[in-house]
Amino acid sequence: MVKASFRLRRQLLLQVAAASLGLSIACGSSSPSSPSTETTVTITSSGVSPVEVHVRVGARVTFFNSDARPHAMSSDPILVHTDCPPINDVGFLNPGQQGSTGVLNVKRTCGFHDHTNENDPIFKGRIVIE
C-alpha cells in the first residue's frame, strides 16, 4: 500500500513537472533557440513539444511521456529508423516515463516520430545538431 501510494505521488509529481515545462515552452519565443546540451521534448495527447530542438554536438535529448498512453520514439525514416540511430535509444515510454537519446555526435538534422503513431504528424519532430 505504501509503495503504491509513493508511486502515485511520484507519477503525479512528474506529470505536474511536465505540464509546467510545457507551459514555459508555450510562453517562450517561437523562433528556434540556441543550441543546448540538455533538451527535453514532452509528449502529450496533443503531440510533441517542441517540434524542433537545437542541440550541440555531443548532446542528448530527453523525451518525457506526459500522455495517458504509451509512445515509442524512433528515428526517421518510418519502418527502418536509420537516419539518426541514437534517437532509437529512447524507445518505448509508458505514461510518466522518460528516456534519452544516445549521444548525438554528427552535425545534421534528424527526424523522429512515434513508432506507435507513425502517420500522425503531431507525433513527429526534428533534432538539429549544431
N, C-alpha and C. Protein backbone atom coordinates (compact mmCIF):
# COMPACT_ATOMS: atom_id res chain seq x y z
N MET A 1 0.82 -1.20 0.00
CA MET A 1 0.00 0.00 0.00
C MET A 1 0.86 1.27 0.00
N VAL A 2 1.91 1.27 0.84
CA VAL A 2 2.79 2.43 0.91
C VAL A 2 3.54 2.61 -0.41
N LYS A 3 4.01 1.49 -0.98
CA LYS A 3 4.74 1.58 -2.25
C LYS A 3 3.84 2.11 -3.35
N ALA A 4 2.59 1.65 -3.42
CA ALA A 4 1.66 2.11 -4.45
C ALA A 4 1.37 3.60 -4.27
N SER A 5 1.20 4.05 -3.03
CA SER A 5 0.95 5.46 -2.76
C SER A 5 2.15 6.30 -3.18
N PHE A 6 3.36 5.84 -2.89
CA PHE A 6 4.57 6.55 -3.28
C PHE A 6 4.66 6.65 -4.79
N ARG A 7 4.35 5.57 -5.49
CA ARG A 7 4.41 5.58 -6.96
C ARG A 7 3.40 6.56 -7.54
N LEU A 8 2.19 6.59 -6.97
CA LEU A 8 1.17 7.52 -7.46
C LEU A 8 1.62 8.96 -7.25
N ARG A 9 2.18 9.26 -6.07
CA ARG A 9 2.65 10.62 -5.81
C ARG A 9 3.79 10.98 -6.75
N ARG A 10 4.69 10.05 -6.98
CA ARG A 10 5.82 10.30 -7.87
C ARG A 10 5.33 10.56 -9.30
N GLN A 11 4.39 9.73 -9.77
CA GLN A 11 3.86 9.91 -11.12
C GLN A 11 3.14 11.25 -11.24
N LEU A 12 2.37 11.63 -10.23
CA LEU A 12 1.68 12.91 -10.24
C LEU A 12 2.68 14.06 -10.28
N LEU A 13 3.76 13.95 -9.49
CA LEU A 13 4.79 14.97 -9.48
C LEU A 13 5.44 15.11 -10.85
N LEU A 14 5.71 13.98 -11.50
CA LEU A 14 6.30 14.01 -12.84
C LEU A 14 5.35 14.67 -13.84
N GLN A 15 4.06 14.39 -13.71
CA GLN A 15 3.09 14.98 -14.64
C GLN A 15 2.98 16.48 -14.43
N VAL A 16 3.03 16.92 -13.17
CA VAL A 16 2.98 18.35 -12.88
C VAL A 16 4.22 19.03 -13.44
N ALA A 17 5.38 18.39 -13.27
CA ALA A 17 6.62 18.95 -13.81
C ALA A 17 6.54 19.07 -15.33
N ALA A 18 6.02 18.05 -15.97
CA ALA A 18 5.90 18.08 -17.43
C ALA A 18 4.93 19.18 -17.87
N ALA A 19 3.83 19.33 -17.16
CA ALA A 19 2.88 20.38 -17.50
C ALA A 19 3.52 21.76 -17.34
N SER A 20 4.29 21.94 -16.28
CA SER A 20 4.99 23.21 -16.07
C SER A 20 5.98 23.47 -17.19
N LEU A 21 6.70 22.43 -17.59
CA LEU A 21 7.64 22.57 -18.69
C LEU A 21 6.90 22.96 -19.96
N GLY A 22 5.78 22.32 -20.21
CA GLY A 22 5.00 22.63 -21.40
C GLY A 22 4.53 24.07 -21.41
N LEU A 23 4.11 24.58 -20.25
CA LEU A 23 3.68 25.97 -20.17
C LEU A 23 4.84 26.92 -20.41
N SER A 24 5.99 26.61 -19.85
CA SER A 24 7.13 27.50 -20.05
C SER A 24 7.57 27.49 -21.51
N ILE A 25 7.47 26.36 -22.17
CA ILE A 25 7.81 26.28 -23.59
C ILE A 25 6.79 27.06 -24.41
N ALA A 26 5.51 26.91 -24.08
CA ALA A 26 4.44 27.59 -24.81
C ALA A 26 4.55 29.10 -24.68
N CYS A 27 5.07 29.59 -23.54
CA CYS A 27 5.18 31.02 -23.32
C CYS A 27 6.46 31.60 -23.91
N GLY A 28 7.33 30.77 -24.40
CA GLY A 28 8.62 31.21 -24.91
C GLY A 28 8.52 31.71 -26.33
N SER A 29 9.66 32.03 -26.89
CA SER A 29 9.76 32.53 -28.25
C SER A 29 9.42 31.44 -29.25
N SER A 30 8.87 31.83 -30.39
CA SER A 30 8.56 30.84 -31.41
C SER A 30 9.75 30.57 -32.31
N SER A 31 10.81 31.37 -32.19
CA SER A 31 11.99 31.14 -33.01
C SER A 31 12.86 30.06 -32.38
N PRO A 32 13.63 29.34 -33.20
CA PRO A 32 14.49 28.30 -32.66
C PRO A 32 15.47 28.86 -31.65
N SER A 33 15.72 28.11 -30.61
CA SER A 33 16.64 28.56 -29.57
C SER A 33 18.07 28.22 -29.95
N SER A 34 18.99 28.79 -29.19
CA SER A 34 20.39 28.47 -29.43
C SER A 34 20.66 27.03 -29.01
N PRO A 35 21.69 26.43 -29.56
CA PRO A 35 21.97 25.01 -29.25
C PRO A 35 22.18 24.79 -27.76
N SER A 36 21.74 23.65 -27.30
CA SER A 36 21.83 23.31 -25.88
C SER A 36 22.48 21.94 -25.73
N THR A 37 22.91 21.65 -24.50
CA THR A 37 23.41 20.31 -24.21
C THR A 37 22.38 19.50 -23.45
N GLU A 38 21.34 20.17 -22.91
CA GLU A 38 20.27 19.49 -22.19
C GLU A 38 18.94 19.97 -22.74
N THR A 39 18.22 19.09 -23.38
CA THR A 39 16.95 19.45 -24.01
C THR A 39 15.92 18.37 -23.73
N THR A 40 14.67 18.78 -23.48
CA THR A 40 13.59 17.83 -23.24
C THR A 40 12.47 18.07 -24.24
N VAL A 41 11.98 16.99 -24.82
CA VAL A 41 10.80 17.02 -25.67
C VAL A 41 9.69 16.34 -24.88
N THR A 42 8.58 17.02 -24.71
CA THR A 42 7.45 16.47 -23.96
C THR A 42 6.41 15.91 -24.92
N ILE A 43 5.91 14.73 -24.61
CA ILE A 43 4.89 14.07 -25.43
C ILE A 43 3.57 14.15 -24.66
N THR A 44 2.55 14.73 -25.30
CA THR A 44 1.21 14.81 -24.71
C THR A 44 0.21 14.27 -25.72
N SER A 45 -1.04 14.28 -25.37
CA SER A 45 -2.07 13.85 -26.31
C SER A 45 -2.18 14.80 -27.51
N SER A 46 -1.62 16.00 -27.36
CA SER A 46 -1.62 17.00 -28.44
C SER A 46 -0.41 16.88 -29.35
N GLY A 47 0.53 16.00 -29.01
CA GLY A 47 1.71 15.82 -29.84
C GLY A 47 2.99 16.06 -29.07
N VAL A 48 4.08 16.32 -29.82
CA VAL A 48 5.38 16.58 -29.21
C VAL A 48 5.63 18.08 -29.13
N SER A 49 6.33 18.49 -28.07
CA SER A 49 6.64 19.90 -27.89
C SER A 49 7.98 20.03 -27.18
N PRO A 50 8.88 20.80 -27.75
CA PRO A 50 8.79 21.49 -29.03
C PRO A 50 8.94 20.51 -30.19
N VAL A 51 8.53 20.94 -31.36
CA VAL A 51 8.61 20.10 -32.56
C VAL A 51 10.03 20.07 -33.10
N GLU A 52 10.77 21.15 -32.89
CA GLU A 52 12.17 21.21 -33.33
C GLU A 52 13.04 21.70 -32.19
N VAL A 53 14.13 20.97 -31.94
CA VAL A 53 15.10 21.39 -30.93
C VAL A 53 16.47 21.51 -31.57
N HIS A 54 17.28 22.41 -31.03
CA HIS A 54 18.64 22.62 -31.48
C HIS A 54 19.57 22.24 -30.35
N VAL A 55 20.50 21.34 -30.62
CA VAL A 55 21.45 20.89 -29.60
C VAL A 55 22.87 20.96 -30.15
N ARG A 56 23.81 20.97 -29.25
CA ARG A 56 25.22 20.95 -29.64
C ARG A 56 25.65 19.52 -29.93
N VAL A 57 26.69 19.39 -30.74
CA VAL A 57 27.29 18.07 -30.97
C VAL A 57 27.70 17.51 -29.61
N GLY A 58 27.40 16.24 -29.38
CA GLY A 58 27.73 15.59 -28.12
C GLY A 58 26.61 15.61 -27.10
N ALA A 59 25.47 16.24 -27.44
CA ALA A 59 24.34 16.34 -26.52
C ALA A 59 23.46 15.10 -26.60
N ARG A 60 22.54 15.03 -25.68
CA ARG A 60 21.46 14.04 -25.68
C ARG A 60 20.15 14.80 -25.57
N VAL A 61 19.07 14.19 -26.03
CA VAL A 61 17.73 14.78 -25.89
C VAL A 61 16.89 13.80 -25.08
N THR A 62 16.20 14.33 -24.07
CA THR A 62 15.32 13.52 -23.24
C THR A 62 13.89 13.69 -23.73
N PHE A 63 13.17 12.58 -23.82
CA PHE A 63 11.75 12.59 -24.17
C PHE A 63 10.98 12.20 -22.92
N PHE A 64 9.98 13.01 -22.57
CA PHE A 64 9.15 12.74 -21.39
C PHE A 64 7.72 12.49 -21.84
N ASN A 65 7.17 11.33 -21.48
CA ASN A 65 5.81 10.98 -21.86
C ASN A 65 4.84 11.48 -20.80
N SER A 66 4.20 12.60 -21.11
CA SER A 66 3.21 13.19 -20.22
C SER A 66 1.79 12.83 -20.66
N ASP A 67 1.67 11.94 -21.63
CA ASP A 67 0.37 11.50 -22.12
C ASP A 67 -0.14 10.35 -21.26
N ALA A 68 -1.41 10.03 -21.42
CA ALA A 68 -2.01 8.92 -20.67
C ALA A 68 -1.79 7.57 -21.36
N ARG A 69 -1.19 7.59 -22.55
CA ARG A 69 -0.95 6.32 -23.25
C ARG A 69 0.52 6.21 -23.63
N PRO A 70 0.99 5.01 -23.90
CA PRO A 70 2.41 4.82 -24.24
C PRO A 70 2.76 5.37 -25.62
N HIS A 71 4.06 5.66 -25.77
CA HIS A 71 4.61 6.12 -27.04
C HIS A 71 5.97 5.45 -27.23
N ALA A 72 6.40 5.34 -28.47
CA ALA A 72 7.70 4.72 -28.79
C ALA A 72 8.41 5.63 -29.78
N MET A 73 9.38 6.37 -29.31
CA MET A 73 10.06 7.35 -30.16
C MET A 73 11.20 6.68 -30.94
N SER A 74 11.22 6.96 -32.24
CA SER A 74 12.19 6.33 -33.14
C SER A 74 12.70 7.36 -34.15
N SER A 75 13.85 7.05 -34.72
CA SER A 75 14.43 7.87 -35.77
C SER A 75 13.65 7.67 -37.07
N ASP A 76 13.67 8.69 -37.90
CA ASP A 76 13.16 8.54 -39.27
C ASP A 76 14.18 7.73 -40.06
N PRO A 77 13.86 7.23 -41.21
CA PRO A 77 12.53 7.14 -41.79
C PRO A 77 11.70 6.03 -41.13
N ILE A 78 10.39 6.17 -41.30
CA ILE A 78 9.46 5.19 -40.76
C ILE A 78 9.83 3.80 -41.28
N LEU A 79 9.71 2.83 -40.46
CA LEU A 79 9.97 1.41 -40.68
C LEU A 79 11.43 1.01 -40.54
N VAL A 80 12.39 1.84 -41.00
CA VAL A 80 13.79 1.42 -40.93
C VAL A 80 14.58 2.11 -39.82
N HIS A 81 14.20 3.32 -39.44
CA HIS A 81 14.78 4.03 -38.29
C HIS A 81 16.30 4.19 -38.37
N THR A 82 16.83 4.49 -39.55
CA THR A 82 18.28 4.53 -39.75
C THR A 82 18.87 5.93 -39.88
N ASP A 83 18.05 6.97 -39.97
CA ASP A 83 18.52 8.33 -40.18
C ASP A 83 19.44 8.79 -39.04
N CYS A 84 19.05 8.55 -37.82
CA CYS A 84 19.80 9.03 -36.65
C CYS A 84 19.66 7.98 -35.53
N PRO A 85 20.43 6.90 -35.61
CA PRO A 85 20.28 5.78 -34.67
C PRO A 85 20.27 6.14 -33.18
N PRO A 86 20.99 7.18 -32.72
CA PRO A 86 20.91 7.48 -31.28
C PRO A 86 19.50 7.80 -30.78
N ILE A 87 18.62 8.25 -31.67
CA ILE A 87 17.24 8.52 -31.25
C ILE A 87 16.53 7.22 -30.85
N ASN A 88 16.90 6.12 -31.48
CA ASN A 88 16.25 4.84 -31.19
C ASN A 88 16.49 4.38 -29.74
N ASP A 89 17.48 4.97 -29.06
CA ASP A 89 17.73 4.63 -27.65
C ASP A 89 16.57 5.04 -26.75
N VAL A 90 15.75 6.00 -27.18
CA VAL A 90 14.62 6.46 -26.37
C VAL A 90 13.64 5.30 -26.19
N GLY A 91 13.23 4.69 -27.29
CA GLY A 91 12.38 3.51 -27.23
C GLY A 91 10.98 3.74 -26.69
N PHE A 92 10.45 2.71 -26.05
CA PHE A 92 9.06 2.66 -25.58
C PHE A 92 8.96 3.39 -24.24
N LEU A 93 7.99 4.30 -24.14
CA LEU A 93 7.78 5.06 -22.91
C LEU A 93 6.34 4.92 -22.43
N ASN A 94 6.16 4.35 -21.27
CA ASN A 94 4.84 4.32 -20.63
C ASN A 94 4.52 5.71 -20.10
N PRO A 95 3.26 6.00 -19.79
CA PRO A 95 2.92 7.30 -19.20
C PRO A 95 3.78 7.59 -17.97
N GLY A 96 4.32 8.81 -17.92
CA GLY A 96 5.15 9.23 -16.80
C GLY A 96 6.61 8.86 -16.92
N GLN A 97 6.97 8.08 -17.94
CA GLN A 97 8.37 7.67 -18.11
C GLN A 97 9.11 8.65 -19.02
N GLN A 98 10.43 8.64 -18.89
CA GLN A 98 11.27 9.41 -19.80
C GLN A 98 12.41 8.53 -20.28
N GLY A 99 12.95 8.90 -21.41
CA GLY A 99 14.08 8.19 -21.99
C GLY A 99 14.92 9.18 -22.78
N SER A 100 16.20 8.88 -22.90
CA SER A 100 17.12 9.78 -23.60
C SER A 100 17.69 9.13 -24.85
N THR A 101 18.03 10.00 -25.78
CA THR A 101 18.74 9.53 -26.98
C THR A 101 20.14 9.12 -26.57
N GLY A 102 20.81 8.44 -27.46
CA GLY A 102 22.24 8.26 -27.29
C GLY A 102 22.92 9.59 -27.58
N VAL A 103 24.23 9.62 -27.51
CA VAL A 103 24.97 10.85 -27.79
C VAL A 103 24.84 11.19 -29.27
N LEU A 104 24.48 12.44 -29.53
CA LEU A 104 24.28 12.92 -30.90
C LEU A 104 25.59 13.57 -31.36
N ASN A 105 26.41 12.83 -32.08
CA ASN A 105 27.78 13.24 -32.38
C ASN A 105 28.01 13.83 -33.76
N VAL A 106 27.01 13.83 -34.63
CA VAL A 106 27.24 14.29 -36.00
C VAL A 106 26.35 15.49 -36.29
N LYS A 107 26.93 16.57 -36.83
CA LYS A 107 26.15 17.75 -37.21
C LYS A 107 25.20 17.37 -38.34
N ARG A 108 23.92 17.52 -38.09
CA ARG A 108 22.90 17.21 -39.10
C ARG A 108 21.52 17.49 -38.51
N THR A 109 20.49 17.31 -39.30
CA THR A 109 19.11 17.40 -38.83
C THR A 109 18.53 16.00 -38.87
N CYS A 110 18.00 15.57 -37.74
CA CYS A 110 17.44 14.22 -37.62
C CYS A 110 15.94 14.31 -37.37
N GLY A 111 15.17 13.57 -38.15
CA GLY A 111 13.74 13.48 -37.91
C GLY A 111 13.43 12.36 -36.94
N PHE A 112 12.36 12.53 -36.16
CA PHE A 112 11.90 11.47 -35.26
C PHE A 112 10.38 11.37 -35.34
N HIS A 113 9.86 10.24 -34.91
CA HIS A 113 8.42 10.01 -34.92
C HIS A 113 8.07 9.02 -33.81
N ASP A 114 6.79 8.95 -33.49
CA ASP A 114 6.29 7.96 -32.54
C ASP A 114 5.96 6.71 -33.35
N HIS A 115 6.68 5.66 -33.09
CA HIS A 115 6.51 4.42 -33.85
C HIS A 115 5.09 3.86 -33.71
N THR A 116 4.41 4.16 -32.60
CA THR A 116 3.04 3.66 -32.41
C THR A 116 2.01 4.55 -33.10
N ASN A 117 2.44 5.70 -33.61
CA ASN A 117 1.57 6.63 -34.33
C ASN A 117 2.31 7.17 -35.55
N GLU A 118 2.87 6.29 -36.36
CA GLU A 118 3.79 6.66 -37.43
C GLU A 118 3.28 7.71 -38.40
N ASN A 119 2.01 7.69 -38.70
CA ASN A 119 1.49 8.59 -39.72
C ASN A 119 0.81 9.83 -39.16
N ASP A 120 0.86 10.02 -37.85
CA ASP A 120 0.24 11.19 -37.23
C ASP A 120 1.27 12.31 -37.12
N PRO A 121 1.10 13.39 -37.86
CA PRO A 121 2.11 14.45 -37.88
C PRO A 121 2.34 15.12 -36.53
N ILE A 122 1.40 15.05 -35.61
CA ILE A 122 1.60 15.71 -34.31
C ILE A 122 2.65 15.00 -33.46
N PHE A 123 2.99 13.75 -33.83
CA PHE A 123 4.00 12.99 -33.09
C PHE A 123 5.31 12.88 -33.87
N LYS A 124 5.58 13.89 -34.70
CA LYS A 124 6.83 13.95 -35.47
C LYS A 124 7.58 15.24 -35.14
N GLY A 125 8.90 15.18 -35.26
CA GLY A 125 9.70 16.36 -35.00
C GLY A 125 11.10 16.24 -35.55
N ARG A 126 11.94 17.23 -35.20
CA ARG A 126 13.31 17.28 -35.69
C ARG A 126 14.28 17.66 -34.58
N ILE A 127 15.46 17.07 -34.64
CA ILE A 127 16.56 17.47 -33.76
C ILE A 127 17.65 18.01 -34.68
N VAL A 128 18.01 19.27 -34.49
CA VAL A 128 19.07 19.89 -35.28
C VAL A 128 20.33 19.87 -34.41
N ILE A 129 21.33 19.14 -34.89
CA ILE A 129 22.59 19.00 -34.15
C ILE A 129 23.59 19.97 -34.78
N GLU A 130 24.05 20.93 -33.97
CA GLU A 130 24.92 22.00 -34.49
C GLU A 130 26.30 21.97 -33.86
